[in-house]
Protein backbone atom coordinates (compact mmCIF):
# COMPACT_ATOMS: atom_id res chain seq x y z
CA MET A 1 -29.26 -49.51 -17.84
CA GLY A 2 -28.63 -50.88 -21.85
CA GLY A 3 -30.53 -53.63 -23.93
CA TYR A 4 -30.82 -53.84 -28.16
CA ALA A 5 -33.15 -52.62 -30.38
CA LEU A 6 -33.56 -53.55 -34.18
CA LEU A 7 -33.46 -50.38 -35.79
CA LYS A 8 -33.90 -50.44 -40.18
CA GLY A 9 -32.46 -54.24 -39.93
CA LEU A 10 -29.72 -53.39 -37.91
CA ILE A 11 -29.73 -54.37 -33.60
CA MET A 12 -28.73 -51.18 -31.34
CA PRO A 13 -27.25 -50.14 -28.54
CA VAL A 14 -30.16 -48.75 -26.33
CA ASN A 15 -29.01 -46.18 -23.71
CA ARG A 16 -31.40 -45.64 -20.72
CA VAL A 17 -30.71 -42.52 -18.51
CA SER A 18 -32.57 -41.23 -15.70
CA PRO A 19 -30.37 -37.59 -15.02
CA PRO A 20 -29.86 -36.28 -11.34
CA SER A 21 -31.63 -33.25 -12.33
CA LEU A 22 -35.30 -34.49 -12.50
CA HIS A 23 -36.85 -37.24 -9.89
CA ASN A 24 -37.29 -41.07 -10.32
CA PRO A 25 -39.40 -41.92 -7.16
CA SER A 26 -38.86 -45.05 -8.27
CA GLY A 27 -36.12 -46.53 -9.60
CA ARG A 28 -37.58 -48.13 -12.10
CA ILE A 29 -37.79 -46.25 -15.39
CA SER A 30 -35.83 -44.34 -16.84
CA GLN A 31 -36.41 -40.50 -18.00
CA VAL A 32 -34.21 -40.73 -21.44
CA VAL A 33 -34.51 -43.91 -23.30
CA THR A 34 -32.10 -43.11 -26.78
CA VAL A 35 -31.54 -45.62 -29.74
CA GLU A 36 -27.26 -45.09 -30.75
CA GLY A 37 -27.65 -44.87 -34.42
CA ALA A 38 -31.10 -43.09 -34.37
CA ARG A 39 -31.56 -39.47 -33.89
CA LEU A 40 -34.85 -40.13 -31.53
CA ALA A 41 -35.99 -39.96 -27.66
CA HIS A 42 -38.35 -41.42 -25.66
CA LEU A 43 -39.04 -39.08 -22.70
CA SER A 44 -41.73 -40.43 -19.46
CA GLY A 45 -43.80 -38.50 -18.88
CA GLN A 46 -43.38 -34.69 -16.45
CA VAL A 47 -45.21 -34.18 -13.58
CA ALA A 48 -44.94 -30.80 -11.50
CA TRP A 49 -42.30 -32.67 -8.89
CA ASP A 50 -38.84 -30.62 -8.19
CA THR A 51 -34.98 -33.67 -8.21
CA GLN A 52 -35.98 -33.93 -4.95
CA GLY A 53 -39.69 -34.98 -5.28
CA ARG A 54 -41.47 -32.11 -3.85
CA PRO A 55 -44.66 -31.28 -5.66
CA VAL A 56 -44.36 -27.20 -7.14
CA GLY A 57 -47.83 -24.87 -7.23
CA LEU A 58 -49.88 -26.78 -5.16
CA GLY A 59 -52.99 -24.91 -6.93
CA ASP A 60 -51.73 -23.01 -9.09
CA HIS A 61 -51.53 -24.66 -12.91
CA GLU A 62 -49.50 -21.67 -14.73
CA ALA A 63 -46.14 -22.98 -11.43
CA GLN A 64 -46.70 -26.48 -11.91
CA ALA A 65 -47.00 -25.83 -16.17
CA VAL A 66 -43.66 -23.90 -15.30
CA GLN A 67 -42.18 -27.13 -13.40
CA ILE A 68 -43.52 -29.17 -15.81
CA ALA A 69 -41.78 -27.24 -18.53
CA HIS A 70 -38.14 -27.49 -16.74
CA ASN A 71 -38.96 -30.86 -15.85
CA LEU A 72 -38.91 -31.24 -19.80
CA ASP A 73 -36.04 -28.95 -20.69
CA ALA A 74 -33.31 -31.49 -18.67
CA ALA A 75 -34.35 -34.51 -19.71
CA SER A 76 -34.57 -33.10 -23.55
CA ALA A 77 -31.11 -31.88 -22.38
CA CYS A 78 -30.11 -34.69 -21.24
CA ALA A 79 -31.04 -37.05 -24.54
CA ARG A 80 -29.60 -34.63 -26.78
CA CYS A 81 -26.34 -35.68 -24.19
CA LEU A 82 -27.13 -38.99 -25.24
CA VAL A 83 -27.47 -38.57 -29.37
CA CYS A 84 -24.10 -36.40 -30.10
CA SER A 85 -22.46 -38.31 -27.67
CA SER A 86 -23.59 -42.33 -30.04
CA SER A 87 -23.45 -39.63 -33.59
CA GLY A 88 -19.96 -38.35 -33.14
CA ARG A 89 -21.63 -34.68 -32.57
CA VAL A 90 -20.25 -32.08 -29.99
CA GLY A 91 -22.93 -29.78 -28.64
CA SER A 92 -26.16 -28.85 -29.44
CA SER A 93 -28.28 -25.48 -29.34
CA MET A 94 -31.00 -25.83 -25.89
CA ARG A 95 -34.09 -23.81 -24.97
CA THR A 96 -34.07 -22.94 -21.34
CA ARG A 97 -37.15 -21.71 -19.68
CA PRO A 98 -37.43 -20.32 -16.00
CA LYS A 99 -36.20 -22.01 -13.35
CA PRO A 100 -39.41 -22.99 -11.09
CA GLN A 101 -39.75 -20.64 -7.29
């Protein structure tokens, strides 16, 4: 799914991605959206779901926060890959958190 955005008077391609490491309940949203030529990524709101869409840590706010942080890490890693590949840069530093149990 692509599209275009007007940025600084230029029409630029838009990348919409839902990485397999994040559950996408409807398939109608994109978890990560970037605009080629810009260093800006939009991440969808994340909830405490695992990759299969099962709730994590029911009644346990700490476990839910850890899962959400893991999901945000996965989405931001995807965004870094898109931004780096569209700008011609290779590699990025990645901060990770332990995967929830």
